[in-house]
Amino acid sequence: NIDVTGYKKGIINLSKILSSGGTLYLSTPVGIPRVEFNANWIFKPSQIINIADECGLSLKEMHVYNSNEGIKQININSSNLQKLEKEDYSLCIFIFSKTIN
């Protein structure tokens, strides 16, 4: 069976095995939320950030890659997150730190 909450369970499990103060690098497609070809999930960045926050993970950095601009670090603010959520597809590398055990 396909688990439609598998991505959430994955983040929860990664947070459980991460030591306090540890760093988690998580890369996933972001943009207009959808599933492509019944396999590739594209998430709103805030969706990933909120799940991680619930697991005691604090967002430290975000890097975004798209074919037009290459890779760049972005400032973490609501304006930039909203902009990403309106794009078709970008690859985002989230860098989280575990704040609680």
PDB file of N, CA and C in Angstrom:
ATOM      1  N   ASN A   1       0.830  -1.195   0.000  1.00  0.00           N
ATOM      2  CA  ASN A   1       0.000   0.000   0.000  1.00  0.00           C
ATOM      3  C   ASN A   1       0.870   1.251   0.000  1.00  0.00           C
ATOM      4  N   ILE A   2       0.381   2.290  -0.640  1.00  0.00           N
ATOM      5  CA  ILE A   2       1.073   3.575  -0.657  1.00  0.00           C
ATOM      6  C   ILE A   2       0.726   4.334   0.618  1.00  0.00           C
ATOM      7  N   ASP A   3       1.735   4.776   1.327  1.00  0.00           N
ATOM      8  CA  ASP A   3       1.535   5.537   2.561  1.00  0.00           C
ATOM      9  C   ASP A   3       1.635   7.024   2.236  1.00  0.00           C
ATOM     10  N   VAL A   4       0.508   7.700   2.231  1.00  0.00           N
ATOM     11  CA  VAL A   4       0.487   9.123   1.857  1.00  0.00           C
ATOM     12  C   VAL A   4       1.119  10.020   2.908  1.00  0.00           C
ATOM     13  N   THR A   5       1.415   9.496   4.076  1.00  0.00           N
ATOM     14  CA  THR A   5       2.105  10.275   5.109  1.00  0.00           C
ATOM     15  C   THR A   5       3.524   9.752   5.340  1.00  0.00           C
ATOM     16  N   GLY A   6       4.020   8.976   4.390  1.00  0.00           N
ATOM     17  CA  GLY A   6       5.356   8.390   4.532  1.00  0.00           C
ATOM     18  C   GLY A   6       6.454   9.431   4.697  1.00  0.00           C
ATOM     19  N   TYR A   7       6.340  10.546   3.992  1.00  0.00           N
ATOM     20  CA  TYR A   7       7.349  11.612   4.107  1.00  0.00           C
ATOM     21  C   TYR A   7       7.397  12.155   5.533  1.00  0.00           C
ATOM     22  N   LYS A   8       6.233  12.290   6.155  1.00  0.00           N
ATOM     23  CA  LYS A   8       6.174  12.804   7.530  1.00  0.00           C
ATOM     24  C   LYS A   8       6.793  11.794   8.496  1.00  0.00           C
ATOM     25  N   LYS A   9       6.454  10.526   8.309  1.00  0.00           N
ATOM     26  CA  LYS A   9       7.034   9.474   9.147  1.00  0.00           C
ATOM     27  C   LYS A   9       8.549   9.415   8.985  1.00  0.00           C
ATOM     28  N   GLY A  10       9.025   9.662   7.754  1.00  0.00           N
ATOM     29  CA  GLY A  10      10.461   9.663   7.509  1.00  0.00           C
ATOM     30  C   GLY A  10      11.175  10.754   8.287  1.00  0.00           C
ATOM     31  N   ILE A  11      10.623  11.957   8.282  1.00  0.00           N
ATOM     32  CA  ILE A  11      11.233  13.065   9.020  1.00  0.00           C
ATOM     33  C   ILE A  11      11.204  12.788  10.521  1.00  0.00           C
ATOM     34  N   ILE A  12      10.104  12.246  11.004  1.00  0.00           N
ATOM     35  CA  ILE A  12       9.996  11.898  12.425  1.00  0.00           C
ATOM     36  C   ILE A  12      11.067  10.880  12.802  1.00  0.00           C
ATOM     37  N   ASN A  13      11.233   9.846  11.984  1.00  0.00           N
ATOM     38  CA  ASN A  13      12.225   8.808  12.286  1.00  0.00           C
ATOM     39  C   ASN A  13      13.649   9.335  12.198  1.00  0.00           C
ATOM     40  N   LEU A  14      13.932  10.201  11.232  1.00  0.00           N
ATOM     41  CA  LEU A  14      15.262  10.798  11.159  1.00  0.00           C
ATOM     42  C   LEU A  14      15.555  11.629  12.398  1.00  0.00           C
ATOM     43  N   SER A  15      14.545  12.352  12.886  1.00  0.00           N
ATOM     44  CA  SER A  15      14.757  13.178  14.084  1.00  0.00           C
ATOM     45  C   SER A  15      15.007  12.310  15.318  1.00  0.00           C
ATOM     46  N   LYS A  16      14.406  11.120  15.356  1.00  0.00           N
ATOM     47  CA  LYS A  16      14.585  10.227  16.502  1.00  0.00           C
ATOM     48  C   LYS A  16      15.998   9.676  16.594  1.00  0.00           C
ATOM     49  N   ILE A  17      16.640   9.459  15.457  1.00  0.00           N
ATOM     50  CA  ILE A  17      17.985   8.873  15.508  1.00  0.00           C
ATOM     51  C   ILE A  17      19.088   9.932  15.550  1.00  0.00           C
ATOM     52  N   LEU A  18      18.712  11.184  15.417  1.00  0.00           N
ATOM     53  CA  LEU A  18      19.680  12.278  15.444  1.00  0.00           C
ATOM     54  C   LEU A  18      19.971  12.676  16.887  1.00  0.00           C
ATOM     55  N   SER A  19      21.240  12.787  17.228  1.00  0.00           N
ATOM     56  CA  SER A  19      21.628  13.209  18.572  1.00  0.00           C
ATOM     57  C   SER A  19      21.293  14.674  18.789  1.00  0.00           C
ATOM     58  N   SER A  20      21.105  15.053  20.050  1.00  0.00           N
ATOM     59  CA  SER A  20      20.878  16.453  20.389  1.00  0.00           C
ATOM     60  C   SER A  20      22.075  17.277  19.917  1.00  0.00           C
ATOM     61  N   GLY A  21      21.806  18.362  19.201  1.00  0.00           N
ATOM     62  CA  GLY A  21      22.864  19.186  18.641  1.00  0.00           C
ATOM     63  C   GLY A  21      23.339  18.707  17.274  1.00  0.00           C
ATOM     64  N   GLY A  22      22.827  17.543  16.828  1.00  0.00           N
ATOM     65  CA  GLY A  22      23.221  16.987  15.539  1.00  0.00           C
ATOM     66  C   GLY A  22      22.629  17.771  14.376  1.00  0.00           C
ATOM     67  N   THR A  23      23.185  17.550  13.195  1.00  0.00           N
ATOM     68  CA  THR A  23      22.750  18.251  11.989  1.00  0.00           C
ATOM     69  C   THR A  23      22.112  17.273  11.019  1.00  0.00           C
ATOM     70  N   LEU A  24      20.974  17.678  10.464  1.00  0.00           N
ATOM     71  CA  LEU A  24      20.276  16.888   9.454  1.00  0.00           C
ATOM     72  C   LEU A  24      20.243  17.684   8.158  1.00  0.00           C
ATOM     73  N   TYR A  25      20.761  17.087   7.097  1.00  0.00           N
ATOM     74  CA  TYR A  25      20.691  17.666   5.760  1.00  0.00           C
ATOM     75  C   TYR A  25      19.575  16.931   5.027  1.00  0.00           C
ATOM     76  N   LEU A  26      18.560  17.657   4.622  1.00  0.00           N
ATOM     77  CA  LEU A  26      17.406  17.057   3.957  1.00  0.00           C
ATOM     78  C   LEU A  26      17.180  17.771   2.632  1.00  0.00           C
ATOM     79  N   SER A  27      17.177  17.014   1.554  1.00  0.00           N
ATOM     80  CA  SER A  27      16.985  17.580   0.232  1.00  0.00           C
ATOM     81  C   SER A  27      15.697  17.033  -0.368  1.00  0.00           C
ATOM     82  N   THR A  28      14.863  17.923  -0.908  1.00  0.00           N
ATOM     83  CA  THR A  28      13.606  17.511  -1.523  1.00  0.00           C
ATOM     84  C   THR A  28      13.143  18.583  -2.513  1.00  0.00           C
ATOM     85  N   PRO A  29      12.363  18.183  -3.505  1.00  0.00           N
ATOM     86  CA  PRO A  29      11.798  19.178  -4.418  1.00  0.00           C
ATOM     87  C   PRO A  29      10.773  20.066  -3.702  1.00  0.00           C
ATOM     88  N   VAL A  30      10.777  21.354  -4.020  1.00  0.00           N
ATOM     89  CA  VAL A  30       9.801  22.298  -3.470  1.00  0.00           C
ATOM     90  C   VAL A  30       9.189  23.101  -4.612  1.00  0.00           C
ATOM     91  N   GLY A  31       8.038  23.658  -4.324  1.00  0.00           N
ATOM     92  CA  GLY A  31       7.327  24.474  -5.297  1.00  0.00           C
ATOM     93  C   GLY A  31       5.842  24.367  -5.075  1.00  0.00           C
ATOM     94  N   ILE A  32       5.070  24.418  -6.157  1.00  0.00           N
ATOM     95  CA  ILE A  32       3.623  24.232  -6.061  1.00  0.00           C
ATOM     96  C   ILE A  32       3.388  22.785  -5.642  1.00  0.00           C
ATOM     97  N   PRO A  33       2.741  22.548  -4.483  1.00  0.00           N
ATOM     98  CA  PRO A  33       2.623  21.186  -3.958  1.00  0.00           C
ATOM     99  C   PRO A  33       1.826  20.267  -4.883  1.00  0.00           C
ATOM    100  N   ARG A  34       2.407  19.070  -5.117  1.00  0.00           N
ATOM    101  CA  ARG A  34       1.738  18.078  -5.958  1.00  0.00           C
ATOM    102  C   ARG A  34       2.549  16.792  -5.961  1.00  0.00           C
ATOM    103  N   VAL A  35       1.977  15.784  -6.555  1.00  0.00           N
ATOM    104  CA  VAL A  35       2.677  14.532  -6.818  1.00  0.00           C
ATOM    105  C   VAL A  35       2.762  14.390  -8.331  1.00  0.00           C
ATOM    106  N   GLU A  36       3.960  14.159  -8.838  1.00  0.00           N
ATOM    107  CA  GLU A  36       4.142  13.978 -10.271  1.00  0.00           C
ATOM    108  C   GLU A  36       4.419  12.517 -10.575  1.00  0.00           C
ATOM    109  N   PHE A  37       3.750  12.002 -11.560  1.00  0.00           N
ATOM    110  CA  PHE A  37       3.960  10.634 -12.032  1.00  0.00           C
ATOM    111  C   PHE A  37       3.772   9.607 -10.926  1.00  0.00           C
ATOM    112  N   ASN A  38       2.901   9.899  -9.966  1.00  0.00           N
ATOM    113  CA  ASN A  38       2.592   9.005  -8.859  1.00  0.00           C
ATOM    114  C   ASN A  38       3.834   8.605  -8.066  1.00  0.00           C
ATOM    115  N   ALA A  39       4.863   9.445  -8.087  1.00  0.00           N
ATOM    116  CA  ALA A  39       6.083   9.071  -7.381  1.00  0.00           C
ATOM    117  C   ALA A  39       6.818  10.258  -6.777  1.00  0.00           C
ATOM    118  N   ASN A  40       6.918  11.361  -7.485  1.00  0.00           N
ATOM    119  CA  ASN A  40       7.740  12.486  -7.055  1.00  0.00           C
ATOM    120  C   ASN A  40       6.899  13.540  -6.367  1.00  0.00           C
ATOM    121  N   TRP A  41       7.140  13.708  -5.095  1.00  0.00           N
ATOM    122  CA  TRP A  41       6.422  14.708  -4.313  1.00  0.00           C
ATOM    123  C   TRP A  41       7.144  16.035  -4.404  1.00  0.00           C
ATOM    124  N   ILE A  42       6.376  17.090  -4.620  1.00  0.00           N
ATOM    125  CA  ILE A  42       6.892  18.455  -4.548  1.00  0.00           C
ATOM    126  C   ILE A  42       6.173  19.097  -3.363  1.00  0.00           C
ATOM    127  N   PHE A  43       6.943  19.627  -2.416  1.00  0.00           N
ATOM    128  CA  PHE A  43       6.390  20.140  -1.169  1.00  0.00           C
ATOM    129  C   PHE A  43       6.471  21.658  -1.104  1.00  0.00           C
ATOM    130  N   LYS A  44       5.576  22.255  -0.337  1.00  0.00           N
ATOM    131  CA  LYS A  44       5.754  23.644   0.077  1.00  0.00           C
ATOM    132  C   LYS A  44       6.885  23.628   1.108  1.00  0.00           C
ATOM    133  N   PRO A  45       7.843  24.535   1.016  1.00  0.00           N
ATOM    134  CA  PRO A  45       8.921  24.546   2.009  1.00  0.00           C
ATOM    135  C   PRO A  45       8.396  24.614   3.441  1.00  0.00           C
ATOM    136  N   SER A  46       7.340  25.397   3.659  1.00  0.00           N
ATOM    137  CA  SER A  46       6.793  25.532   5.011  1.00  0.00           C
ATOM    138  C   SER A  46       6.263  24.204   5.541  1.00  0.00           C
ATOM    139  N   GLN A  47       5.812  23.348   4.656  1.00  0.00           N
ATOM    140  CA  GLN A  47       5.317  22.025   5.053  1.00  0.00           C
ATOM    141  C   GLN A  47       6.450  21.216   5.703  1.00  0.00           C
ATOM    142  N   ILE A  48       7.612  21.199   5.074  1.00  0.00           N
ATOM    143  CA  ILE A  48       8.769  20.473   5.603  1.00  0.00           C
ATOM    144  C   ILE A  48       9.262  21.130   6.890  1.00  0.00           C
ATOM    145  N   ILE A  49       9.342  22.445   6.902  1.00  0.00           N
ATOM    146  CA  ILE A  49       9.826  23.180   8.075  1.00  0.00           C
ATOM    147  C   ILE A  49       8.913  22.933   9.276  1.00  0.00           C
ATOM    148  N   ASN A  50       7.608  22.949   9.079  1.00  0.00           N
ATOM    149  CA  ASN A  50       6.658  22.743  10.182  1.00  0.00           C
ATOM    150  C   ASN A  50       6.762  21.340  10.761  1.00  0.00           C
ATOM    151  N   ILE A  51       6.885  20.331   9.910  1.00  0.00           N
ATOM    152  CA  ILE A  51       7.019  18.957  10.402  1.00  0.00           C
ATOM    153  C   ILE A  51       8.309  18.825  11.202  1.00  0.00           C
ATOM    154  N   ALA A  52       9.398  19.359  10.666  1.00  0.00           N
ATOM    155  CA  ALA A  52      10.683  19.290  11.358  1.00  0.00           C
ATOM    156  C   ALA A  52      10.625  20.012  12.702  1.00  0.00           C
ATOM    157  N   ASP A  53       9.979  21.156  12.724  1.00  0.00           N
ATOM    158  CA  ASP A  53       9.842  21.921  13.969  1.00  0.00           C
ATOM    159  C   ASP A  53       9.102  21.114  15.036  1.00  0.00           C
ATOM    160  N   GLU A  54       8.068  20.401  14.631  1.00  0.00           N
ATOM    161  CA  GLU A  54       7.314  19.548  15.566  1.00  0.00           C
ATOM    162  C   GLU A  54       8.187  18.438  16.138  1.00  0.00           C
ATOM    163  N   CYS A  55       9.257  18.088  15.434  1.00  0.00           N
ATOM    164  CA  CYS A  55      10.166  17.016  15.864  1.00  0.00           C
ATOM    165  C   CYS A  55      11.379  17.543  16.620  1.00  0.00           C
ATOM    166  N   GLY A  56      11.394  18.830  16.928  1.00  0.00           N
ATOM    167  CA  GLY A  56      12.523  19.402  17.662  1.00  0.00           C
ATOM    168  C   GLY A  56      13.706  19.752  16.778  1.00  0.00           C
ATOM    169  N   LEU A  57      13.448  19.942  15.480  1.00  0.00           N
ATOM    170  CA  LEU A  57      14.509  20.325  14.556  1.00  0.00           C
ATOM    171  C   LEU A  57      14.367  21.799  14.210  1.00  0.00           C
ATOM    172  N   SER A  58      15.457  22.519  14.319  1.00  0.00           N
ATOM    173  CA  SER A  58      15.464  23.956  14.055  1.00  0.00           C
ATOM    174  C   SER A  58      16.160  24.214  12.724  1.00  0.00           C
ATOM    175  N   LEU A  59      15.495  24.964  11.837  1.00  0.00           N
ATOM    176  CA  LEU A  59      16.064  25.267  10.532  1.00  0.00           C
ATOM    177  C   LEU A  59      17.196  26.281  10.674  1.00  0.00           C
ATOM    178  N   LYS A  60      18.383  25.907  10.188  1.00  0.00           N
ATOM    179  CA  LYS A  60      19.552  26.787  10.266  1.00  0.00           C
ATOM    180  C   LYS A  60      19.863  27.456   8.936  1.00  0.00           C
ATOM    181  N   GLU A  61      19.732  26.694   7.841  1.00  0.00           N
ATOM    182  CA  GLU A  61      20.037  27.227   6.514  1.00  0.00           C
ATOM    183  C   GLU A  61      19.146  26.562   5.480  1.00  0.00           C
ATOM    184  N   MET A  62      18.970  27.271   4.357  1.00  0.00           N
ATOM    185  CA  MET A  62      18.295  26.707   3.189  1.00  0.00           C
ATOM    186  C   MET A  62      19.094  27.083   1.953  1.00  0.00           C
ATOM    187  N   HIS A  63      19.300  26.090   1.096  1.00  0.00           N
ATOM    188  CA  HIS A  63      19.947  26.315  -0.187  1.00  0.00           C
ATOM    189  C   HIS A  63      18.989  25.813  -1.251  1.00  0.00           C
ATOM    190  N   VAL A  64      18.875  26.558  -2.336  1.00  0.00           N
ATOM    191  CA  VAL A  64      17.923  26.217  -3.386  1.00  0.00           C
ATOM    192  C   VAL A  64      18.661  26.120  -4.714  1.00  0.00           C
ATOM    193  N   TYR A  65      18.316  25.072  -5.465  1.00  0.00           N
ATOM    194  CA  TYR A  65      18.859  24.923  -6.806  1.00  0.00           C
ATOM    195  C   TYR A  65      17.716  24.930  -7.810  1.00  0.00           C
ATOM    196  N   ASN A  66      17.857  25.722  -8.846  1.00  0.00           N
ATOM    197  CA  ASN A  66      16.972  25.622 -10.003  1.00  0.00           C
ATOM    198  C   ASN A  66      17.808  25.859 -11.250  1.00  0.00           C
ATOM    199  N   SER A  67      17.305  25.404 -12.381  1.00  0.00           N
ATOM    200  CA  SER A  67      18.094  25.439 -13.613  1.00  0.00           C
ATOM    201  C   SER A  67      18.377  26.855 -14.098  1.00  0.00           C
ATOM    202  N   ASN A  68      17.598  27.828 -13.684  1.00  0.00           N
ATOM    203  CA  ASN A  68      17.811  29.213 -14.127  1.00  0.00           C
ATOM    204  C   ASN A  68      18.916  29.922 -13.357  1.00  0.00           C
ATOM    205  N   GLU A  69      18.990  29.673 -12.041  1.00  0.00           N
ATOM    206  CA  GLU A  69      19.901  30.436 -11.187  1.00  0.00           C
ATOM    207  C   GLU A  69      21.020  29.605 -10.573  1.00  0.00           C
ATOM    208  N   GLY A  70      21.009  28.313 -10.743  1.00  0.00           N
ATOM    209  CA  GLY A  70      21.996  27.464 -10.093  1.00  0.00           C
ATOM    210  C   GLY A  70      21.657  27.307  -8.620  1.00  0.00           C
ATOM    211  N   ILE A  71      22.674  27.103  -7.785  1.00  0.00           N
ATOM    212  CA  ILE A  71      22.437  26.918  -6.344  1.00  0.00           C
ATOM    213  C   ILE A  71      22.762  28.208  -5.600  1.00  0.00           C
ATOM    214  N   LYS A  72      21.916  28.523  -4.621  1.00  0.00           N
ATOM    215  CA  LYS A  72      22.149  29.722  -3.814  1.00  0.00           C
ATOM    216  C   LYS A  72      21.544  29.516  -2.425  1.00  0.00           C
ATOM    217  N   GLN A  73      22.177  30.143  -1.442  1.00  0.00           N
ATOM    218  CA  GLN A  73      21.620  30.157  -0.093  1.00  0.00           C
ATOM    219  C   GLN A  73      20.580  31.263  -0.053  1.00  0.00           C
ATOM    220  N   ILE A  74      19.449  30.979   0.588  1.00  0.00           N
ATOM    221  CA  ILE A  74      18.423  32.015   0.676  1.00  0.00           C
ATOM    222  C   ILE A  74      18.199  32.405   2.129  1.00  0.00           C
ATOM    223  N   ASN A  75      17.793  33.638   2.323  1.00  0.00           N
ATOM    224  CA  ASN A  75      17.402  34.098   3.656  1.00  0.00           C
ATOM    225  C   ASN A  75      16.083  33.432   4.021  1.00  0.00           C
ATOM    226  N   ILE A  76      16.008  32.956   5.235  1.00  0.00           N
ATOM    227  CA  ILE A  76      14.798  32.273   5.687  1.00  0.00           C
ATOM    228  C   ILE A  76      13.828  33.320   6.211  1.00  0.00           C
ATOM    229  N   ASN A  77      12.851  33.659   5.386  1.00  0.00           N
ATOM    230  CA  ASN A  77      11.804  34.593   5.792  1.00  0.00           C
ATOM    231  C   ASN A  77      10.537  34.249   5.023  1.00  0.00           C
ATOM    232  N   SER A  78       9.411  34.770   5.489  1.00  0.00           N
ATOM    233  CA  SER A  78       8.123  34.407   4.888  1.00  0.00           C
ATOM    234  C   SER A  78       8.036  34.805   3.420  1.00  0.00           C
ATOM    235  N   SER A  79       8.650  35.914   3.045  1.00  0.00           N
ATOM    236  CA  SER A  79       8.610  36.368   1.662  1.00  0.00           C
ATOM    237  C   SER A  79       9.301  35.367   0.725  1.00  0.00           C
ATOM    238  N   ASN A  80      10.486  34.920   1.107  1.00  0.00           N
ATOM    239  CA  ASN A  80      11.212  33.947   0.285  1.00  0.00           C
ATOM    240  C   ASN A  80      10.514  32.595   0.250  1.00  0.00           C
ATOM    241  N   LEU A  81       9.921  32.171   1.380  1.00  0.00           N
ATOM    242  CA  LEU A  81       9.193  30.903   1.400  1.00  0.00           C
ATOM    243  C   LEU A  81       7.972  30.971   0.494  1.00  0.00           C
ATOM    244  N   GLN A  82       7.253  32.089   0.536  1.00  0.00           N
ATOM    245  CA  GLN A  82       6.081  32.253  -0.328  1.00  0.00           C
ATOM    246  C   GLN A  82       6.475  32.263  -1.795  1.00  0.00           C
ATOM    247  N   LYS A  83       7.593  32.867  -2.111  1.00  0.00           N
ATOM    248  CA  LYS A  83       8.075  32.889  -3.490  1.00  0.00           C
ATOM    249  C   LYS A  83       8.368  31.466  -3.962  1.00  0.00           C
ATOM    250  N   LEU A  84       9.051  30.682  -3.131  1.00  0.00           N
ATOM    251  CA  LEU A  84       9.359  29.300  -3.495  1.00  0.00           C
ATOM    252  C   LEU A  84       8.094  28.473  -3.699  1.00  0.00           C
ATOM    253  N   GLU A  85       7.073  28.743  -2.885  1.00  0.00           N
ATOM    254  CA  GLU A  85       5.835  27.977  -2.968  1.00  0.00           C
ATOM    255  C   GLU A  85       5.068  28.244  -4.255  1.00  0.00           C
ATOM    256  N   LYS A  86       5.412  29.305  -4.954  1.00  0.00           N
ATOM    257  CA  LYS A  86       4.736  29.648  -6.213  1.00  0.00           C
ATOM    258  C   LYS A  86       5.535  29.201  -7.437  1.00  0.00           C
ATOM    259  N   GLU A  87       6.766  28.759  -7.218  1.00  0.00           N
ATOM    260  CA  GLU A  87       7.587  28.286  -8.330  1.00  0.00           C
ATOM    261  C   GLU A  87       7.139  26.891  -8.743  1.00  0.00           C
ATOM    262  N   ASP A  88       7.452  26.537  -9.965  1.00  0.00           N
ATOM    263  CA  ASP A  88       7.063  25.224 -10.467  1.00  0.00           C
ATOM    264  C   ASP A  88       7.865  24.111  -9.792  1.00  0.00           C
ATOM    265  N   TYR A  89       9.198  24.267  -9.765  1.00  0.00           N
ATOM    266  CA  TYR A  89      10.036  23.200  -9.229  1.00  0.00           C
ATOM    267  C   TYR A  89      11.420  23.749  -8.918  1.00  0.00           C
ATOM    268  N   SER A  90      11.869  23.528  -7.716  1.00  0.00           N
ATOM    269  CA  SER A  90      13.245  23.812  -7.307  1.00  0.00           C
ATOM    270  C   SER A  90      13.666  22.702  -6.361  1.00  0.00           C
ATOM    271  N   LEU A  91      14.950  22.478  -6.270  1.00  0.00           N
ATOM    272  CA  LEU A  91      15.474  21.516  -5.305  1.00  0.00           C
ATOM    273  C   LEU A  91      15.956  22.294  -4.093  1.00  0.00           C
ATOM    274  N   CYS A  92      15.486  21.926  -2.925  1.00  0.00           N
ATOM    275  CA  CYS A  92      15.848  22.637  -1.702  1.00  0.00           C
ATOM    276  C   CYS A  92      16.650  21.725  -0.781  1.00  0.00           C
ATOM    277  N   ILE A  93      17.719  22.265  -0.234  1.00  0.00           N
ATOM    278  CA  ILE A  93      18.499  21.561   0.780  1.00  0.00           C
ATOM    279  C   ILE A  93      18.257  22.293   2.093  1.00  0.00           C
ATOM    280  N   PHE A  94      17.572  21.616   2.999  1.00  0.00           N
ATOM    281  CA  PHE A  94      17.288  22.150   4.327  1.00  0.00           C
ATOM    282  C   PHE A  94      18.394  21.675   5.261  1.00  0.00           C
ATOM    283  N   ILE A  95      18.895  22.555   6.098  1.00  0.00           N
ATOM    284  CA  ILE A  95      19.886  22.181   7.103  1.00  0.00           C
ATOM    285  C   ILE A  95      19.275  22.472   8.464  1.00  0.00           C
ATOM    286  N   PHE A  96      18.998  21.378   9.189  1.00  0.00           N
ATOM    287  CA  PHE A  96      18.356  21.459  10.497  1.00  0.00           C
ATOM    288  C   PHE A  96      19.329  21.066  11.589  1.00  0.00           C
ATOM    289  N   SER A  97      19.095  21.581  12.775  1.00  0.00           N
ATOM    290  CA  SER A  97      19.835  21.177  13.965  1.00  0.00           C
ATOM    291  C   SER A  97      18.823  20.666  14.982  1.00  0.00           C
ATOM    292  N   LYS A  98      19.160  19.568  15.645  1.00  0.00           N
ATOM    293  CA  LYS A  98      18.251  19.030  16.657  1.00  0.00           C
ATOM    294  C   LYS A  98      18.431  19.817  17.944  1.00  0.00           C
ATOM    295  N   THR A  99      17.326  20.390  18.401  1.00  0.00           N
ATOM    296  CA  THR A  99      17.392  21.253  19.590  1.00  0.00           C
ATOM    297  C   THR A  99      16.969  20.539  20.853  1.00  0.00           C
ATOM    298  N   ILE A 100      16.174  19.458  20.720  1.00  0.00           N
ATOM    299  CA  ILE A 100      15.734  18.711  21.892  1.00  0.00           C
ATOM    300  C   ILE A 100      15.941  17.225  21.637  1.00  0.00           C
ATOM    301  N   ASN A 101      15.985  16.450  22.706  1.00  0.00           N
ATOM    302  CA  ASN A 101      16.166  15.005  22.574  1.00  0.00           C
ATOM    303  C   ASN A 101      14.873  14.269  22.626  1.00  0.00           C
TER     304      ASN A 101
END
